[in-house]
Each structure stands twice: as C-alpha cells, then as structure tokens.
Amino acid sequence: MGISKTEVNLKRLLAAAPQQQNQAKLVHYVATLREQLEQLAEEKTPEGLPRISKATLNDYSEKIEAIASKLVHVVCIC
C-alpha cells in the first residue's frame, strides 16, 4: 500500500514551511499540518489497523511543533 494523499500533502507542507517568510501563511501552514496529522492518525488499513505507526506520527508532530515554535509572537499595544 502506498502513501495516502494526506501524507503526501503533509510532507510537501513540511518541506515548504521552513522557506516561508510570511508569518500569516506560516500560521496557516501550521494549522493545516496539525489538521492533516489528525486525519493521518485516523487512517486505517482494510484490516482496521492504523496505517501509520505511532513513531512516524510522533516524528511528524515534532517537526510541526518545531515549525510552530519559530512563529513570531506579535503583541498588540493599543
């Protein structure tokens, strides 16, 4: 069984995120990556087993959170 469309998209976003300079787009990337990770965790084989191992999911999660940690926290002084 090959990789799913969700996993392909997740890998592409993970590869593109480090080059993204626009903070708003990067926030969107992180949100999308988190959603895709959730979807990937729910995918099952025809036998009902998880399609992706917990170790792989944890690896993706760590990469996503590393990207998220680089977001600039903007403080509004009104």
PDB file of N, CA and C in Angstrom:
ATOM      1  N   MET A   1       0.842  -1.184   0.000  1.00  0.00           N
ATOM      2  CA  MET A   1       0.000   0.000   0.000  1.00  0.00           C
ATOM      3  C   MET A   1       0.882   1.241   0.000  1.00  0.00           C
ATOM      4  N   GLY A   2       0.615   2.179  -0.900  1.00  0.00           N
ATOM      5  CA  GLY A   2       1.388   3.401  -0.995  1.00  0.00           C
ATOM      6  C   GLY A   2       0.975   4.407   0.057  1.00  0.00           C
ATOM      7  N   ILE A   3       1.585   5.578  -0.022  1.00  0.00           N
ATOM      8  CA  ILE A   3       1.217   6.600   0.954  1.00  0.00           C
ATOM      9  C   ILE A   3      -0.037   7.330   0.490  1.00  0.00           C
ATOM     10  N   SER A   4      -0.794   7.822   1.437  1.00  0.00           N
ATOM     11  CA  SER A   4      -2.068   8.469   1.133  1.00  0.00           C
ATOM     12  C   SER A   4      -1.849   9.899   0.645  1.00  0.00           C
ATOM     13  N   LYS A   5      -2.883  10.449   0.049  1.00  0.00           N
ATOM     14  CA  LYS A   5      -2.854  11.836  -0.417  1.00  0.00           C
ATOM     15  C   LYS A   5      -2.597  12.776   0.760  1.00  0.00           C
ATOM     16  N   THR A   6      -3.177  12.463   1.909  1.00  0.00           N
ATOM     17  CA  THR A   6      -2.981  13.285   3.104  1.00  0.00           C
ATOM     18  C   THR A   6      -1.511  13.315   3.499  1.00  0.00           C
ATOM     19  N   GLU A   7      -0.861  12.153   3.473  1.00  0.00           N
ATOM     20  CA  GLU A   7       0.549  12.098   3.853  1.00  0.00           C
ATOM     21  C   GLU A   7       1.429  12.816   2.834  1.00  0.00           C
ATOM     22  N   VAL A   8       1.096  12.708   1.566  1.00  0.00           N
ATOM     23  CA  VAL A   8       1.841  13.423   0.523  1.00  0.00           C
ATOM     24  C   VAL A   8       1.753  14.929   0.772  1.00  0.00           C
ATOM     25  N   ASN A   9       0.542  15.420   1.023  1.00  0.00           N
ATOM     26  CA  ASN A   9       0.349  16.850   1.271  1.00  0.00           C
ATOM     27  C   ASN A   9       1.072  17.301   2.533  1.00  0.00           C
ATOM     28  N   LEU A  10       1.028  16.483   3.576  1.00  0.00           N
ATOM     29  CA  LEU A  10       1.710  16.812   4.819  1.00  0.00           C
ATOM     30  C   LEU A  10       3.215  16.935   4.579  1.00  0.00           C
ATOM     31  N   LYS A  11       3.784  15.983   3.852  1.00  0.00           N
ATOM     32  CA  LYS A  11       5.223  16.020   3.564  1.00  0.00           C
ATOM     33  C   LYS A  11       5.598  17.251   2.739  1.00  0.00           C
ATOM     34  N   ARG A  12       4.761  17.611   1.789  1.00  0.00           N
ATOM     35  CA  ARG A  12       5.035  18.797   0.963  1.00  0.00           C
ATOM     36  C   ARG A  12       5.024  20.070   1.800  1.00  0.00           C
ATOM     37  N   LEU A  13       4.017  20.191   2.682  1.00  0.00           N
ATOM     38  CA  LEU A  13       3.950  21.373   3.539  1.00  0.00           C
ATOM     39  C   LEU A  13       5.122  21.418   4.510  1.00  0.00           C
ATOM     40  N   LEU A  14       5.499  20.278   5.067  1.00  0.00           N
ATOM     41  CA  LEU A  14       6.656  20.235   5.966  1.00  0.00           C
ATOM     42  C   LEU A  14       7.924  20.689   5.246  1.00  0.00           C
ATOM     43  N   ALA A  15       8.056  20.320   3.986  1.00  0.00           N
ATOM     44  CA  ALA A  15       9.235  20.709   3.204  1.00  0.00           C
ATOM     45  C   ALA A  15       9.218  22.193   2.860  1.00  0.00           C
ATOM     46  N   ALA A  16       8.028  22.741   2.609  1.00  0.00           N
ATOM     47  CA  ALA A  16       7.911  24.139   2.185  1.00  0.00           C
ATOM     48  C   ALA A  16       7.945  25.125   3.353  1.00  0.00           C
ATOM     49  N   ALA A  17       7.499  24.713   4.511  1.00  0.00           N
ATOM     50  CA  ALA A  17       7.348  25.622   5.652  1.00  0.00           C
ATOM     51  C   ALA A  17       8.629  26.365   6.045  1.00  0.00           C
ATOM     52  N   PRO A  18       9.791  25.722   6.088  1.00  0.00           N
ATOM     53  CA  PRO A  18      10.997  26.456   6.507  1.00  0.00           C
ATOM     54  C   PRO A  18      11.361  27.638   5.597  1.00  0.00           C
ATOM     55  N   GLN A  19      10.937  27.596   4.343  1.00  0.00           N
ATOM     56  CA  GLN A  19      11.246  28.688   3.426  1.00  0.00           C
ATOM     57  C   GLN A  19      10.206  29.809   3.478  1.00  0.00           C
ATOM     58  N   GLN A  20       9.105  29.576   4.153  1.00  0.00           N
ATOM     59  CA  GLN A  20       8.017  30.556   4.180  1.00  0.00           C
ATOM     60  C   GLN A  20       8.378  31.710   5.116  1.00  0.00           C
ATOM     61  N   GLN A  21       8.398  32.931   4.572  1.00  0.00           N
ATOM     62  CA  GLN A  21       8.741  34.120   5.352  1.00  0.00           C
ATOM     63  C   GLN A  21       7.510  34.868   5.858  1.00  0.00           C
ATOM     64  N   ASN A  22       6.393  34.682   5.189  1.00  0.00           N
ATOM     65  CA  ASN A  22       5.156  35.366   5.564  1.00  0.00           C
ATOM     66  C   ASN A  22       4.569  34.685   6.805  1.00  0.00           C
ATOM     67  N   GLN A  23       4.510  35.424   7.919  1.00  0.00           N
ATOM     68  CA  GLN A  23       4.044  34.849   9.180  1.00  0.00           C
ATOM     69  C   GLN A  23       2.595  34.369   9.108  1.00  0.00           C
ATOM     70  N   ALA A  24       1.741  35.124   8.422  1.00  0.00           N
ATOM     71  CA  ALA A  24       0.333  34.727   8.308  1.00  0.00           C
ATOM     72  C   ALA A  24       0.211  33.391   7.572  1.00  0.00           C
ATOM     73  N   LYS A  25       0.989  33.237   6.511  1.00  0.00           N
ATOM     74  CA  LYS A  25       0.958  31.974   5.770  1.00  0.00           C
ATOM     75  C   LYS A  25       1.531  30.839   6.613  1.00  0.00           C
ATOM     76  N   LEU A  26       2.554  31.146   7.390  1.00  0.00           N
ATOM     77  CA  LEU A  26       3.163  30.126   8.237  1.00  0.00           C
ATOM     78  C   LEU A  26       2.179  29.651   9.313  1.00  0.00           C
ATOM     79  N   VAL A  27       1.406  30.574   9.863  1.00  0.00           N
ATOM     80  CA  VAL A  27       0.362  30.201  10.831  1.00  0.00           C
ATOM     81  C   VAL A  27      -0.632  29.260  10.154  1.00  0.00           C
ATOM     82  N   HIS A  28      -1.006  29.589   8.925  1.00  0.00           N
ATOM     83  CA  HIS A  28      -1.931  28.741   8.165  1.00  0.00           C
ATOM     84  C   HIS A  28      -1.304  27.366   7.898  1.00  0.00           C
ATOM     85  N   TYR A  29      -0.031  27.345   7.545  1.00  0.00           N
ATOM     86  CA  TYR A  29       0.668  26.078   7.308  1.00  0.00           C
ATOM     87  C   TYR A  29       0.597  25.195   8.554  1.00  0.00           C
ATOM     88  N   VAL A  30       0.908  25.782   9.713  1.00  0.00           N
ATOM     89  CA  VAL A  30       0.922  25.013  10.960  1.00  0.00           C
ATOM     90  C   VAL A  30      -0.469  24.461  11.262  1.00  0.00           C
ATOM     91  N   ALA A  31      -1.492  25.288  11.093  1.00  0.00           N
ATOM     92  CA  ALA A  31      -2.866  24.826  11.340  1.00  0.00           C
ATOM     93  C   ALA A  31      -3.224  23.686  10.389  1.00  0.00           C
ATOM     94  N   THR A  32      -2.867  23.839   9.125  1.00  0.00           N
ATOM     95  CA  THR A  32      -3.152  22.807   8.126  1.00  0.00           C
ATOM     96  C   THR A  32      -2.383  21.526   8.434  1.00  0.00           C
ATOM     97  N   LEU A  33      -1.122  21.662   8.809  1.00  0.00           N
ATOM     98  CA  LEU A  33      -0.313  20.490   9.155  1.00  0.00           C
ATOM     99  C   LEU A  33      -0.910  19.733  10.335  1.00  0.00           C
ATOM    100  N   ARG A  34      -1.371  20.473  11.334  1.00  0.00           N
ATOM    101  CA  ARG A  34      -1.980  19.819  12.503  1.00  0.00           C
ATOM    102  C   ARG A  34      -3.254  19.073  12.109  1.00  0.00           C
ATOM    103  N   GLU A  35      -4.058  19.682  11.242  1.00  0.00           N
ATOM    104  CA  GLU A  35      -5.285  19.020  10.770  1.00  0.00           C
ATOM    105  C   GLU A  35      -4.945  17.753   9.984  1.00  0.00           C
ATOM    106  N   GLN A  36      -3.945  17.860   9.108  1.00  0.00           N
ATOM    107  CA  GLN A  36      -3.554  16.705   8.304  1.00  0.00           C
ATOM    108  C   GLN A  36      -2.989  15.585   9.175  1.00  0.00           C
ATOM    109  N   LEU A  37      -2.265  15.948  10.226  1.00  0.00           N
ATOM    110  CA  LEU A  37      -1.730  14.942  11.139  1.00  0.00           C
ATOM    111  C   LEU A  37      -2.872  14.193  11.829  1.00  0.00           C
ATOM    112  N   GLU A  38      -3.902  14.925  12.229  1.00  0.00           N
ATOM    113  CA  GLU A  38      -5.083  14.285  12.834  1.00  0.00           C
ATOM    114  C   GLU A  38      -5.732  13.304  11.861  1.00  0.00           C
ATOM    115  N   GLN A  39      -5.898  13.750  10.608  1.00  0.00           N
ATOM    116  CA  GLN A  39      -6.507  12.889   9.588  1.00  0.00           C
ATOM    117  C   GLN A  39      -5.656  11.639   9.368  1.00  0.00           C
ATOM    118  N   LEU A  40      -4.359  11.834   9.315  1.00  0.00           N
ATOM    119  CA  LEU A  40      -3.438  10.723   9.091  1.00  0.00           C
ATOM    120  C   LEU A  40      -3.513   9.716  10.241  1.00  0.00           C
ATOM    121  N   ALA A  41      -3.646  10.210  11.456  1.00  0.00           N
ATOM    122  CA  ALA A  41      -3.731   9.333  12.625  1.00  0.00           C
ATOM    123  C   ALA A  41      -4.996   8.480  12.601  1.00  0.00           C
ATOM    124  N   GLU A  42      -6.040   8.974  11.937  1.00  0.00           N
ATOM    125  CA  GLU A  42      -7.317   8.258  11.878  1.00  0.00           C
ATOM    126  C   GLU A  42      -7.387   7.251  10.728  1.00  0.00           C
ATOM    127  N   GLU A  43      -6.463   7.327   9.772  1.00  0.00           N
ATOM    128  CA  GLU A  43      -6.495   6.422   8.624  1.00  0.00           C
ATOM    129  C   GLU A  43      -6.205   4.987   9.054  1.00  0.00           C
ATOM    130  N   LYS A  44      -6.960   4.065   8.488  1.00  0.00           N
ATOM    131  CA  LYS A  44      -6.826   2.640   8.814  1.00  0.00           C
ATOM    132  C   LYS A  44      -6.594   1.830   7.542  1.00  0.00           C
ATOM    133  N   THR A  45      -5.964   0.681   7.710  1.00  0.00           N
ATOM    134  CA  THR A  45      -5.813  -0.274   6.608  1.00  0.00           C
ATOM    135  C   THR A  45      -7.145  -0.997   6.432  1.00  0.00           C
ATOM    136  N   PRO A  46      -7.308  -1.744   5.328  1.00  0.00           N
ATOM    137  CA  PRO A  46      -8.552  -2.521   5.160  1.00  0.00           C
ATOM    138  C   PRO A  46      -8.808  -3.498   6.315  1.00  0.00           C
ATOM    139  N   GLU A  47      -7.744  -3.884   7.013  1.00  0.00           N
ATOM    140  CA  GLU A  47      -7.884  -4.801   8.150  1.00  0.00           C
ATOM    141  C   GLU A  47      -8.272  -4.076   9.432  1.00  0.00           C
ATOM    142  N   GLY A  48      -8.354  -2.740   9.365  1.00  0.00           N
ATOM    143  CA  GLY A  48      -8.733  -1.955  10.538  1.00  0.00           C
ATOM    144  C   GLY A  48      -7.574  -1.534  11.421  1.00  0.00           C
ATOM    145  N   LEU A  49      -6.352  -1.758  10.954  1.00  0.00           N
ATOM    146  CA  LEU A  49      -5.167  -1.372  11.718  1.00  0.00           C
ATOM    147  C   LEU A  49      -4.751   0.051  11.355  1.00  0.00           C
ATOM    148  N   PRO A  50      -4.051   0.735  12.259  1.00  0.00           N
ATOM    149  CA  PRO A  50      -3.554   2.079  11.919  1.00  0.00           C
ATOM    150  C   PRO A  50      -2.629   1.997  10.706  1.00  0.00           C
ATOM    151  N   ARG A  51      -2.788   2.932   9.767  1.00  0.00           N
ATOM    152  CA  ARG A  51      -1.975   2.922   8.558  1.00  0.00           C
ATOM    153  C   ARG A  51      -0.571   3.461   8.822  1.00  0.00           C
ATOM    154  N   ILE A  52      -0.459   4.338   9.807  1.00  0.00           N
ATOM    155  CA  ILE A  52       0.819   4.977  10.133  1.00  0.00           C
ATOM    156  C   ILE A  52       1.200   4.601  11.568  1.00  0.00           C
ATOM    157  N   SER A  53       2.461   4.288  11.781  1.00  0.00           N
ATOM    158  CA  SER A  53       2.906   3.919  13.132  1.00  0.00           C
ATOM    159  C   SER A  53       2.908   5.137  14.052  1.00  0.00           C
ATOM    160  N   LYS A  54       2.808   4.880  15.341  1.00  0.00           N
ATOM    161  CA  LYS A  54       2.847   5.962  16.327  1.00  0.00           C
ATOM    162  C   LYS A  54       4.183   6.696  16.265  1.00  0.00           C
ATOM    163  N   ALA A  55       5.254   5.978  15.996  1.00  0.00           N
ATOM    164  CA  ALA A  55       6.578   6.596  15.905  1.00  0.00           C
ATOM    165  C   ALA A  55       6.626   7.608  14.759  1.00  0.00           C
ATOM    166  N   THR A  56       6.045   7.246  13.625  1.00  0.00           N
ATOM    167  CA  THR A  56       6.011   8.152  12.475  1.00  0.00           C
ATOM    168  C   THR A  56       5.138   9.361  12.783  1.00  0.00           C
ATOM    169  N   LEU A  57       3.991   9.122  13.407  1.00  0.00           N
ATOM    170  CA  LEU A  57       3.110  10.231  13.790  1.00  0.00           C
ATOM    171  C   LEU A  57       3.820  11.170  14.762  1.00  0.00           C
ATOM    172  N   ASN A  58       4.548  10.609  15.725  1.00  0.00           N
ATOM    173  CA  ASN A  58       5.295  11.432  16.681  1.00  0.00           C
ATOM    174  C   ASN A  58       6.382  12.240  15.984  1.00  0.00           C
ATOM    175  N   ASP A  59       7.043  11.641  15.001  1.00  0.00           N
ATOM    176  CA  ASP A  59       8.072  12.340  14.236  1.00  0.00           C
ATOM    177  C   ASP A  59       7.473  13.533  13.496  1.00  0.00           C
ATOM    178  N   TYR A  60       6.342  13.306  12.817  1.00  0.00           N
ATOM    179  CA  TYR A  60       5.660  14.399  12.126  1.00  0.00           C
ATOM    180  C   TYR A  60       5.236  15.480  13.118  1.00  0.00           C
ATOM    181  N   SER A  61       4.715  15.071  14.254  1.00  0.00           N
ATOM    182  CA  SER A  61       4.252  16.015  15.272  1.00  0.00           C
ATOM    183  C   SER A  61       5.401  16.892  15.771  1.00  0.00           C
ATOM    184  N   GLU A  62       6.554  16.288  16.026  1.00  0.00           N
ATOM    185  CA  GLU A  62       7.721  17.044  16.480  1.00  0.00           C
ATOM    186  C   GLU A  62       8.159  18.061  15.432  1.00  0.00           C
ATOM    187  N   LYS A  63       8.129  17.670  14.168  1.00  0.00           N
ATOM    188  CA  LYS A  63       8.511  18.586  13.091  1.00  0.00           C
ATOM    189  C   LYS A  63       7.535  19.754  12.999  1.00  0.00           C
ATOM    190  N   ILE A  64       6.249  19.467  13.147  1.00  0.00           N
ATOM    191  CA  ILE A  64       5.228  20.518  13.086  1.00  0.00           C
ATOM    192  C   ILE A  64       5.410  21.486  14.248  1.00  0.00           C
ATOM    193  N   GLU A  65       5.622  20.962  15.442  1.00  0.00           N
ATOM    194  CA  GLU A  65       5.772  21.828  16.612  1.00  0.00           C
ATOM    195  C   GLU A  65       7.070  22.631  16.554  1.00  0.00           C
ATOM    196  N   ALA A  66       8.107  22.105  15.911  1.00  0.00           N
ATOM    197  CA  ALA A  66       9.346  22.862  15.721  1.00  0.00           C
ATOM    198  C   ALA A  66       9.091  24.063  14.821  1.00  0.00           C
ATOM    199  N   ILE A  67       8.278  23.872  13.797  1.00  0.00           N
ATOM    200  CA  ILE A  67       7.911  24.980  12.909  1.00  0.00           C
ATOM    201  C   ILE A  67       7.070  25.988  13.680  1.00  0.00           C
ATOM    202  N   ALA A  68       6.111  25.501  14.450  1.00  0.00           N
ATOM    203  CA  ALA A  68       5.226  26.380  15.221  1.00  0.00           C
ATOM    204  C   ALA A  68       6.009  27.208  16.235  1.00  0.00           C
ATOM    205  N   SER A  69       7.061  26.639  16.802  1.00  0.00           N
ATOM    206  CA  SER A  69       7.839  27.353  17.817  1.00  0.00           C
ATOM    207  C   SER A  69       8.606  28.535  17.234  1.00  0.00           C
ATOM    208  N   LYS A  70       8.767  28.559  15.924  1.00  0.00           N
ATOM    209  CA  LYS A  70       9.500  29.644  15.274  1.00  0.00           C
ATOM    210  C   LYS A  70       8.611  30.826  14.903  1.00  0.00           C
ATOM    211  N   LEU A  71       7.312  30.678  15.130  1.00  0.00           N
ATOM    212  CA  LEU A  71       6.407  31.781  14.821  1.00  0.00           C
ATOM    213  C   LEU A  71       6.700  32.951  15.750  1.00  0.00           C
ATOM    214  N   VAL A  72       6.669  34.146  15.197  1.00  0.00           N
ATOM    215  CA  VAL A  72       6.897  35.354  15.981  1.00  0.00           C
ATOM    216  C   VAL A  72       5.615  35.678  16.734  1.00  0.00           C
ATOM    217  N   HIS A  73       5.753  35.880  18.035  1.00  0.00           N
ATOM    218  CA  HIS A  73       4.594  36.263  18.835  1.00  0.00           C
ATOM    219  C   HIS A  73       4.424  37.773  18.718  1.00  0.00           C
ATOM    220  N   VAL A  74       3.318  38.183  18.133  1.00  0.00           N
ATOM    221  CA  VAL A  74       3.045  39.600  17.930  1.00  0.00           C
ATOM    222  C   VAL A  74       2.193  40.096  19.091  1.00  0.00           C
ATOM    223  N   VAL A  75       2.663  41.159  19.733  1.00  0.00           N
ATOM    224  CA  VAL A  75       1.928  41.741  20.849  1.00  0.00           C
ATOM    225  C   VAL A  75       1.332  43.051  20.375  1.00  0.00           C
ATOM    226  N   CYS A  76       0.034  43.180  20.569  1.00  0.00           N
ATOM    227  CA  CYS A  76      -0.659  44.401  20.160  1.00  0.00           C
ATOM    228  C   CYS A  76      -0.633  45.400  21.312  1.00  0.00           C
ATOM    229  N   ILE A  77      -0.061  46.567  21.067  1.00  0.00           N
ATOM    230  CA  ILE A  77      -0.084  47.648  22.052  1.00  0.00           C
ATOM    231  C   ILE A  77      -1.059  48.684  21.522  1.00  0.00           C
ATOM    232  N   CYS A  78      -2.236  48.653  22.085  1.00  0.00           N
ATOM    233  CA  CYS A  78      -3.308  49.522  21.592  1.00  0.00           C
ATOM    234  C   CYS A  78      -3.511  50.711  22.489  1.00  0.00           C
TER     235      CYS A  78
END
